Amino acid sequence: MQIRFIDCCLLALILFAGCIRSGQEESLSGVESASNAAVPDEVLQLGEHLFSQTCSTCHIDSIGSLAPSTGVLALMTPRAIYSALSKGKMVEQAKNLSEDQRKAVAQWITKSAFRETAIASSAFTTFSLTRDDVQAGWNYSGWGGNLEGTGFRTTQQSGITPQNVSSLKLAWAFGFPDGTQVRSKPALIGNWLIVGSQFGEIYAIHKETGLIGWTFSADAAIRGAISYTEDQELTVYFADFATNVYALDVATGGLKWKKRAGMEPQSSVTGSVVVYGGLAYIPITSYEVIATVNGEYECCKSSGGVVALDAMNGNEVWRHRVIGEEAIVSGQKKNGQSFYGPSGAPVWCSPTVDTKRQLLYIGTGENYTNPPTMTSDAIQALDLKTGQLKWSWQATSHDTWNLGCPDNPNCPENKGPDLDFGMAPLLIKTANGKDMLVVGQKSGVVHALNPDDGAIIWQTRIGKGGALGGIHWGMASDGKLIYAANADNPYALDLRDSLVKADPGLFALDIQTGEVVWKAEPAPCDTTRTCLPVNSAAPTLIPGVVFAGDLNGKLRAYSAVDGAVLWQFDTVREFDGVNGIKAKGGSMDGPGPLVADGMLFVNSGYDYFGEMAGNALLAFTVK
């Protein structure tokens, strides 16, 4: 059946912000969301009363407060809120609350009941790490697998070839308890996958058996990739949605340090932590884009940015604010209240490191309010050590938009199309030795830039673009061709130019000229389910093969030469999770698959944008 949208722009774009659990959607068997678990009215009433008496003075939406806003807190887990009140930072504030009262506050904030789902003891195994594990040639870290973010893995790293890819068979499935979406990309160290979940758990999972070596509980959803380094000690790094950054001991899962990177009440993290040269770089976005649905909200004051922390202790080294000036009164809303600006320009994606030029590249999002800035919808280059802005190139100007659009008082006059950069830039060395910075935009355009100064080398349109992509999550390259997934989601297209047609699918472009070499159509829809024949997730590339999943739940291996389909697997089914939790696949969005040592690992399930919920991490092998 075709998906039904009521006020499709509003719903899709709410979900695009990546910050609302789908408590109203039909749950799938074995994939019951924690937000669907009913909290008794009397508990909610008690929690609201206690919050207003104990917590609301600090946790407000005012720009003067450094504490997370209620909107950001709502995306944390009840357990994390309760822990903060019982033994964390909020112990002093909650010292007069009983255990039941603290739980009531936690459940009112999150509108979620405490989860009781437990993983059986048989799902655990002994964690062991050897020197060979640390030095394994197939190890993987971060969003694109390298500092340049290219999404490319060699044959030696992947163990998969065009000749054996058709023999891929399911080895195991892992079910995330109570999950409805899986978007954290694992790191891989030897035999161990390190992966996050939407409820903040971090799991160390044996890549061949799916058994758990250790777990760690963060405060909020893990939306980005897991990174690790061996600069001095083997350490895992990641950030949760509430901007808490964590460093864990890989051998034990024990916490080394924790630091909140956000310095505004609406700050959040959807991208991935990148670690290089003793610094951890954290991309900062803002929940404020969603807070605007309340017409009485004082819109808008936040800015996206990047924070650099000392990788050894979490101390702040520098901070870059995409919008340099603070927001001031900039106009009047339809309800007579004041607009504030400039604002917005979030950094949704992961930073990219250029070791040669000592630069950090980021992509930025739209302005939330007027006046528009020249730093929105832009690619920026920052000094790695100081955060100083070296250059900034803007792709789309005057793109002012927020979730209040089109009719809410918070929607800015002359609203823009929301064509920000949602993916991490790719730093590519071409076959002739030339460096090129290549990035896809939600406009459906692929841009090639000179990394020295941001000058345009070439630009190629491969789709119509829109608020849900265009090029949404990423691309991959081997230095010869660029492989781009173009979403052109039919429910969120840029309708300004009727002559530009939607064209979803997987594209291969010549890196020297930007010319389209081939295009592969999305997998045909299965009309028995919600159907979105769209490639939105980032692709993964190995010599001769491109892996890409789609919103209809199909995972495909394409020939990198001509786009022919070499292998396909339908993930929308139930699996017996090796951890004793029922798993079910759904839409594939967000990160691309991870390939290593003859195995392929992929997330399945994404309950945003009207897509299909799921809670599965699937492992395939050619062995």
Foldseek 3Di string as FASTA:
>chain_A
DADDDDVLVLFQLLLVVVQDDCLPDDADVLQAAQLVDADDPVLLVLLVVCCVVQPDVQQDQDQVHQAAHLSLLLQWALVLQLCCCVPNVNVVSNVVPDSSSSSSNSCNSNVGHDDDDDFDPVLADAFDDDPCLQVPPQWAFFFLRDLQSFLEDECAFFVDDLVLPALKDFQFKAFDRNFFFAAEAWTGGRQWTWTFAQNAKTFTAGQRQRGTNDIDGDGGGFQEYWGWDPPPATWIWWAHFQQKIFIARPRYRHTQEIDRPGRGNFKTANETWDDDDQKIKGWIFGPVLVVVLPLPDAADWAFIWIWIAGNNYRHTQEIGTLDPDTWDFDQAFPVGHTHIDFYGFGFHYDWHADPVVQWIKTWTWFTQEDPWDQSHLWIWIARNRYRHTPEIHHDDTPAHAGSNPDPRRSGYPPHHFTWTFNEYWGFAQAPVRATWIWGWIQCQKIFIARVNYRHTPDMDHDFRGFNLDDQHYEWHDPRFKIKTFTFCFVSTGDPPDPVTHGDGFIWIAGPNYRHTPETDFADDADVVDHTRSHFHAYWRHYVQWIWTFFLRQKIFIAGPNYRHTSHIDRQADWGCHSSRRIWGFWGFHHGYWRGGDQKIWGIGRDPRSVGGTTRIIIMIGSD
